[in-house]
Protein backbone atom coordinates (compact mmCIF):
# COMPACT_ATOMS: atom_id res chain seq x y z
CA MET A 1 -120.46 26.76 42.61
CA SER A 2 -123.80 27.06 41.40
CA GLU A 3 -124.94 29.96 39.20
CA MET A 4 -127.66 31.17 42.38
CA LYS A 5 -124.44 31.25 45.05
CA GLU A 6 -122.62 33.06 42.59
CA MET A 7 -125.20 35.60 42.09
CA ILE A 8 -125.46 35.93 46.21
CA LEU A 9 -121.83 36.21 46.28
CA ASP A 10 -121.35 38.81 43.78
CA ALA A 11 -124.23 40.40 45.14
CA ALA A 12 -122.69 40.71 48.73
CA GLY A 13 -119.14 41.59 47.18
CA ARG A 14 -120.42 44.38 45.42
CA MET A 15 -122.47 45.92 48.46
CA LEU A 16 -119.39 45.83 50.54
CA LYS A 17 -117.02 46.69 48.40
CA GLU A 18 -118.96 49.94 47.13
CA ASN A 19 -119.90 50.84 51.25
CA ILE A 20 -117.19 49.66 52.93
CA SER A 21 -114.24 52.25 52.95
CA LYS A 22 -111.51 52.75 55.18
CA ASP A 23 -114.11 55.82 56.85
CA VAL A 24 -116.55 53.58 57.19
CA VAL A 25 -114.33 51.25 59.32
CA ASP A 26 -113.10 53.80 61.21
CA LEU A 27 -116.82 53.95 62.98
CA LEU A 28 -115.49 51.68 65.39
CA GLU A 29 -113.01 54.23 66.83
CA ARG A 30 -115.66 56.23 67.60
CA ASP A 31 -118.14 53.23 68.99
CA ASP A 32 -120.11 53.40 66.22
CA TRP A 33 -120.37 50.53 63.17
CA ALA A 34 -121.92 50.18 59.74
CA ARG A 35 -125.71 50.18 60.21
CA GLY A 36 -126.29 51.58 56.36
CA ILE A 37 -124.44 48.06 55.38
CA TRP A 38 -126.37 46.41 57.58
CA ALA A 39 -129.93 47.51 56.34
CA LEU A 40 -128.66 46.32 52.94
CA PHE A 41 -127.88 43.40 54.12
CA GLU A 42 -131.07 42.58 55.64
CA GLU A 43 -133.34 44.14 52.74
CA THR A 44 -131.46 41.68 50.25
CA GLY A 45 -131.95 38.68 52.49
CA MET A 46 -127.88 38.03 52.95
CA PHE A 47 -129.17 36.76 56.69
CA ASN A 48 -131.13 34.02 55.51
CA VAL A 49 -129.00 32.41 53.38
CA ALA A 50 -128.64 29.35 55.39
CA ILE A 51 -131.58 29.41 57.48
CA SER A 52 -134.12 26.61 56.84
CA GLU A 53 -137.08 27.50 54.72
CA LYS A 54 -139.67 26.50 58.05
CA HIS A 55 -137.81 28.99 59.73
CA GLY A 56 -138.32 31.92 56.47
CA GLY A 57 -134.70 31.43 55.70
CA ALA A 58 -133.37 30.65 51.92
CA GLY A 59 -132.38 26.98 52.52
CA GLY A 60 -129.39 27.33 51.53
CA ASP A 61 -126.20 25.70 53.48
CA LEU A 62 -123.27 26.98 55.16
CA GLU A 63 -120.92 26.80 52.48
CA ASP A 64 -122.71 29.67 51.39
CA LEU A 65 -122.79 31.45 54.68
CA LEU A 66 -119.05 31.18 55.13
CA HIS A 67 -118.36 32.65 51.85
CA ILE A 68 -120.07 35.84 52.66
CA VAL A 69 -118.66 35.90 56.12
CA ARG A 70 -114.98 35.67 53.96
CA LEU A 71 -116.27 38.54 52.09
CA THR A 72 -117.28 40.48 55.56
CA GLY A 73 -113.34 39.99 56.68
CA LYS A 74 -111.76 40.84 53.08
CA TYR A 75 -113.78 44.35 53.94
CA ALA A 76 -113.40 44.47 57.53
CA ALA A 77 -116.93 45.47 57.56
CA PRO A 78 -117.80 46.66 60.64
CA MET A 79 -120.80 45.30 61.88
CA PRO A 80 -121.65 41.89 63.70
CA TYR A 81 -122.77 39.51 60.62
CA ALA A 82 -120.66 36.80 61.84
CA GLU A 83 -121.92 36.74 65.20
CA SER A 84 -125.92 37.63 64.49
CA THR A 85 -125.40 34.40 61.68
CA PHE A 86 -123.60 31.83 64.24
CA ALA A 87 -126.21 32.79 66.95
CA ASN A 88 -128.71 31.58 64.56
CA PHE A 89 -127.34 28.74 63.88
CA LEU A 90 -126.89 27.81 67.04
CA LEU A 91 -130.64 28.34 68.02
CA GLU A 92 -131.46 26.36 64.72
CA ALA A 93 -129.02 23.40 65.67
CA THR A 94 -131.00 23.36 68.85
CA ASN A 95 -134.33 23.33 67.32
CA GLN A 96 -135.45 26.95 68.74
CA ALA A 97 -136.75 29.74 66.60
CA ILE A 98 -134.39 32.03 65.34
CA VAL A 99 -134.25 36.00 66.11
CA LYS A 100 -134.35 38.92 63.44
CA ASN A 101 -132.67 41.45 65.69
CA ILE A 102 -129.02 41.66 65.94
CA ALA A 103 -127.61 38.49 68.19
CA THR A 104 -124.25 37.44 69.42
CA TYR A 105 -123.37 34.65 70.91
CA SER A 106 -120.78 32.65 73.39
CA LEU A 107 -119.47 29.09 73.68
CA LYS A 108 -117.95 30.09 76.71
CA GLU A 109 -118.30 28.57 80.49
CA GLY A 110 -119.88 31.43 82.62
CA PHE A 111 -123.11 31.27 82.95
CA HIS A 112 -124.76 28.73 85.02
CA LEU A 113 -128.36 27.93 85.37
CA GLN A 114 -130.54 27.21 89.01
CA ASN A 115 -134.02 27.18 89.51
CA ASP A 116 -134.61 28.03 85.63
CA LEU A 117 -132.57 31.61 86.15
CA ILE A 118 -129.59 32.09 84.37
CA SER A 119 -126.53 33.81 86.36
CA GLY A 120 -122.93 34.87 85.75
CA SER A 121 -120.59 36.51 83.59
CA LEU A 122 -119.28 36.33 80.35
CA HIS A 123 -116.05 38.21 78.96
CA ASN A 124 -114.76 39.26 75.49
CA VAL A 125 -118.64 38.56 73.67
CA ARG A 126 -118.14 39.98 70.71
CA TRP A 127 -120.83 43.10 69.66
CA ALA A 128 -122.71 42.59 73.10
CA ARG A 129 -123.07 46.29 73.39
CA HIS A 130 -125.05 46.64 69.96
CA ALA A 131 -126.81 43.26 70.12
CA ASP A 132 -130.58 42.88 71.23
CA TYR A 133 -130.08 38.67 71.90
CA LEU A 134 -127.46 36.67 73.29
CA VAL A 135 -126.84 32.64 72.42
CA ALA A 136 -124.82 31.68 74.76
CA ARG A 137 -123.42 28.39 76.64
CA VAL A 138 -125.14 27.37 79.80
CA ASP A 139 -124.03 24.89 82.56
CA SER A 140 -126.01 23.19 85.01
CA PHE A 141 -126.78 19.67 87.18
CA GLN A 142 -128.15 18.81 84.46
CA GLY A 143 -125.70 19.38 81.20
CA THR A 144 -124.58 21.95 79.12
CA GLN A 145 -127.78 23.90 77.47
CA ILE A 146 -127.98 26.69 74.78
CA ALA A 147 -129.89 29.63 75.82
CA LEU A 148 -131.72 32.69 74.29
CA ILE A 149 -131.23 35.59 76.28
CA ASP A 150 -132.57 39.61 76.29
CA LEU A 151 -129.41 41.53 76.76
CA GLN A 152 -132.15 44.23 77.96
CA LYS A 153 -131.69 42.28 81.40
CA ALA A 154 -127.91 41.93 81.50
CA THR A 155 -125.46 44.46 82.52
CA ILE A 156 -122.68 44.85 80.01
CA GLU A 157 -119.58 46.45 80.61
CA HIS A 158 -117.64 47.71 77.36
CA SER A 159 -114.04 46.59 76.06
CA ASN A 160 -112.60 46.39 72.68
CA ASN A 161 -109.71 43.79 71.15
CA LEU A 162 -107.09 45.85 69.50
CA ALA A 163 -108.88 45.99 66.16
CA SER A 164 -111.19 48.37 68.19
CA GLU A 165 -114.17 45.48 67.75
CA PRO A 166 -116.55 45.59 70.97
CA ARG A 167 -115.57 42.90 73.04
CA ASP A 168 -117.84 43.55 76.14
CA THR A 169 -118.46 41.57 79.55
CA ILE A 170 -121.78 40.23 80.10
CA ILE A 171 -123.05 39.88 83.35
CA LEU A 172 -126.43 38.20 84.49
CA ASP A 173 -128.43 38.05 87.72
CA LYS A 174 -131.24 35.85 87.87
CA VAL A 175 -132.52 36.22 84.55
CA LYS A 176 -135.16 34.25 83.00
CA PRO A 177 -134.22 33.06 79.39
CA ILE A 178 -136.85 33.57 75.96
CA SER A 179 -135.69 30.05 75.15
CA ILE A 180 -133.41 27.06 76.26
CA ALA A 181 -132.94 23.43 75.06
CA PRO A 182 -130.17 21.05 75.91
CA LEU A 183 -127.05 20.48 74.04
CA SER A 184 -125.45 17.24 74.13
CA GLU A 185 -121.32 16.74 74.34
CA GLU A 186 -121.21 15.99 70.37
CA GLN A 187 -123.30 18.86 69.74
CA LEU A 188 -121.50 21.14 71.75
CA PHE A 189 -118.11 19.92 69.80
CA TYR A 190 -120.06 20.24 66.92
CA THR A 191 -120.46 23.52 67.27
CA LEU A 192 -117.40 25.09 68.10
CA SER A 193 -116.19 23.23 64.97
CA ILE A 194 -118.02 25.22 62.76
CA GLU A 195 -117.35 28.32 65.29
CA THR A 196 -114.09 27.95 64.26
CA ALA A 197 -114.85 27.67 60.55
CA PHE A 198 -116.69 31.11 60.65
CA LYS A 199 -113.21 32.09 62.12
CA ILE A 200 -110.90 31.11 59.51
CA ALA A 201 -113.59 32.27 56.69
CA LEU A 202 -112.97 35.82 58.57
CA MET A 203 -109.36 35.66 58.69
CA THR A 204 -108.93 34.00 54.64
CA GLY A 205 -110.90 37.51 53.32
CA ALA A 206 -108.19 39.55 55.63
CA ILE A 207 -105.48 37.97 54.07
CA GLU A 208 -107.09 37.92 50.44
CA ARG A 209 -107.04 41.95 51.25
CA ILE A 210 -103.67 42.18 52.76
CA TYR A 211 -102.19 40.52 49.90
CA GLU A 212 -104.70 42.84 47.05
CA ILE A 213 -103.26 46.35 49.12
CA THR A 214 -99.47 44.97 49.16
CA VAL A 215 -99.24 43.96 45.58
CA GLN A 216 -100.96 47.17 44.78
CA TYR A 217 -98.51 49.59 46.91
CA SER A 218 -95.53 47.52 45.31
CA LYS A 219 -96.22 48.45 42.07
CA LYS A 220 -97.30 52.42 42.86
CA ARG A 221 -94.57 53.12 45.51
CA GLU A 222 -91.03 53.74 43.32
CA GLN A 223 -87.59 54.06 44.46
CA PHE A 224 -84.45 54.90 42.46
CA GLY A 225 -86.65 55.54 39.82
CA ARG A 226 -88.57 52.33 39.32
CA PRO A 227 -91.70 50.83 41.02
CA ILE A 228 -90.33 49.27 44.19
CA HIS A 229 -92.00 45.57 42.83
CA ARG A 230 -89.32 45.31 40.60
CA PHE A 231 -86.49 44.92 42.99
CA GLN A 232 -85.69 41.33 43.78
CA LEU A 233 -85.72 41.47 47.75
CA VAL A 234 -88.89 42.91 47.65
CA GLN A 235 -90.19 40.46 45.10
CA GLN A 236 -89.09 37.62 47.50
CA HIS A 237 -91.54 39.05 49.79
CA LEU A 238 -94.24 39.28 47.38
CA ALA A 239 -93.54 35.66 46.60
CA GLN A 240 -93.62 34.59 50.13
CA LEU A 241 -96.91 36.49 50.49
CA ALA A 242 -98.33 34.91 47.35
CA GLY A 243 -97.41 31.47 48.84
CA GLU A 244 -98.59 31.71 52.48
CA THR A 245 -102.12 33.84 50.87
CA ALA A 246 -102.91 31.07 48.49
CA ILE A 247 -102.47 28.49 51.50
CA ALA A 248 -104.86 30.26 53.65
CA ILE A 249 -107.48 30.50 50.49
CA THR A 250 -106.66 26.71 49.86
CA ALA A 251 -107.29 26.05 54.00
CA PHE A 252 -110.60 27.69 53.73
CA HIS A 253 -111.89 25.73 50.35
CA ASN A 254 -111.15 22.51 51.67
CA VAL A 255 -112.78 23.55 55.24
CA CYS A 256 -115.94 24.46 52.83
CA ALA A 257 -115.27 20.99 51.19
CA ALA A 258 -115.00 18.65 53.96
CA ILE A 259 -118.30 20.72 55.65
CA GLN A 260 -120.15 19.80 52.80
CA SER A 261 -119.30 16.18 52.98
CA LYS A 262 -120.00 15.75 56.73
CA ASP A 263 -116.22 15.31 57.60
CA PHE A 264 -114.76 18.07 58.91
CA LEU A 265 -113.32 17.90 62.43
CA HIS A 266 -109.79 17.12 61.29
CA GLU A 267 -110.01 19.45 58.34
CA ILE A 268 -111.01 22.88 60.28
CA ALA A 269 -108.58 22.05 62.78
CA PHE A 270 -105.62 21.72 60.43
CA ALA A 271 -106.96 24.90 58.86
CA ARG A 272 -107.28 26.82 61.60
CA ILE A 273 -103.24 25.74 62.76
CA ARG A 274 -102.03 26.48 59.56
CA ILE A 275 -103.94 30.04 58.87
CA GLU A 276 -102.89 31.03 62.24
CA ASP A 277 -98.72 30.32 60.97
CA ALA A 278 -99.56 31.96 57.91
CA ILE A 279 -100.80 35.32 60.04
CA THR A 280 -97.12 35.81 60.94
CA THR A 281 -95.72 35.50 57.94
CA ILE A 282 -98.46 37.35 55.95
CA THR A 283 -98.70 40.71 58.79
CA SER A 284 -95.16 40.49 58.78
CA VAL A 285 -93.64 40.43 55.47
CA ALA A 286 -96.70 42.99 54.19
CA HIS A 287 -95.60 45.81 56.76
CA GLN A 288 -91.96 44.99 55.85
CA ILE A 289 -92.96 45.96 52.33
CA HIS A 290 -94.58 49.04 53.39
CA ALA A 291 -92.08 50.25 55.46
CA ALA A 292 -93.27 53.25 57.81
CA ILE A 293 -96.63 53.92 56.28
CA GLY A 294 -97.76 51.20 56.75
CA MET A 295 -97.88 51.80 60.59
CA THR A 296 -100.13 55.15 60.53
CA HIS A 297 -103.10 55.34 61.23
CA GLU A 298 -104.31 57.16 57.66
CA TYR A 299 -103.27 54.32 55.53
CA THR A 300 -105.16 51.03 55.56
CA LEU A 301 -102.96 48.09 56.04
CA HIS A 302 -103.99 48.43 59.88
CA GLN A 303 -107.03 47.89 59.74
CA TYR A 304 -106.52 44.43 58.80
CA THR A 305 -103.13 43.07 60.35
CA ARG A 306 -104.89 44.33 63.58
CA ARG A 307 -108.00 42.26 62.97
CA LEU A 308 -105.80 39.33 62.05
CA TRP A 309 -103.72 39.77 65.19
CA SER A 310 -107.06 39.86 67.14
CA TRP A 311 -108.58 36.88 65.44
CA ARG A 312 -106.00 34.92 65.73
CA ASP A 313 -106.29 35.04 69.90
CA GLU A 314 -110.10 34.52 69.46
CA GLY A 315 -112.24 31.28 70.30
CA ARG A 316 -110.54 27.84 69.62
CA ASN A 317 -107.32 28.34 68.49
CA SER A 318 -103.91 26.83 67.13
CA PRO A 319 -103.21 25.15 71.08
CA PHE A 320 -107.04 23.53 71.03
CA TRP A 321 -106.71 21.99 67.84
CA SER A 322 -103.09 20.96 68.21
CA ASN A 323 -103.91 18.76 70.96
CA TYR A 324 -107.00 17.50 69.52
CA ILE A 325 -105.13 16.01 66.94
CA ALA A 326 -102.71 14.77 69.14
CA ASP A 327 -105.01 13.50 71.46
CA TYR A 328 -106.71 11.42 68.47
CA LEU A 329 -103.37 10.20 67.09
CA LEU A 330 -102.77 8.88 70.68
CA LYS A 331 -105.84 7.39 70.88
CA HIS A 332 -106.76 5.91 67.58
CA ASP A 333 -104.17 3.13 65.67
CA VAL A 334 -103.24 5.44 62.62
CA ASP A 335 -101.00 4.70 60.06
CA LEU A 336 -99.86 8.55 60.05
CA TRP A 337 -98.33 8.76 56.71
CA ALA A 338 -102.20 7.60 55.11
CA TYR A 339 -103.61 10.08 58.14
CA LEU A 340 -101.75 13.03 56.65
CA THR A 341 -102.51 12.16 53.20
CA LYS A 342 -106.14 12.32 53.86
CA THR A 343 -106.41 8.06 52.91
CA ILE A 344 -107.07 6.38 56.34
CA GLY A 345 -109.89 4.73 57.37
CA LYS A 346 -110.32 4.21 61.27
CA LYS A 347 -108.96 0.58 62.72
């Protein structure tokens, strides 16, 4: 990682650590969000990291952006950073002008274009009630397209996921898009893959924080006159937690490296599948070590475990990518061992 990248990530991490507390995360419980840290990110150009220079950005790459997304997951930042940056990624990928205000996105089916007007409904759209724009997949007889939509012209029905994050329903009735561009099947799969990489980044950050919280608690909590991390059973749990955390972090870094090499679909697939397995173990072990206090609202652990349980079910998850891998292996003449050890070439 270059010195400039390290400076950017250090600045982002410092801003999040200094400005995100449990009370700030709890703003979501009151249908509010962290407007202060959003403003700081705007002032310091964190939204422009992966925007091309021709659109006024820093000209960075997706790896830089994914590392910042990971940090927002690590601090459970209650703001639509991943959503806004991915929305602009979709606009740039389809040669449309980016937006400066809050944006969200959806790559689900549900919107249809007829006579240049969009109608339909989308469910579980992230942060829709707080966004100014929606970047969404739109289907028509001409194929799939990506459209930029003014949400002032939409009907928005509020809903939340398990972590109290906004997951709303958007309804459009013959709305003219601000801009629209075609999206090929290859481009669609590419954007679905990058969306999964964003979610992997968020989940990795939350996993890191759960590990830190749990280790700190095991050192402070005493039972029978000594810290609980000295008990053999707790040490076994901590070792299991450390192993799964290391696997998740490694999977995330492998995704970043693969994206840089432009050969990432299978790496993203395996990372998503493995991290979902890790989430089951990590959340269970963390709550076992914390015992009853880990289930209380006053303690911070649930802010991360609830997010992991929610994010695990969102987007293209393990079943989608398992089917992708299985379909690939059935359709290609591949040596399985070589494939699994990443030494294959297509035959």
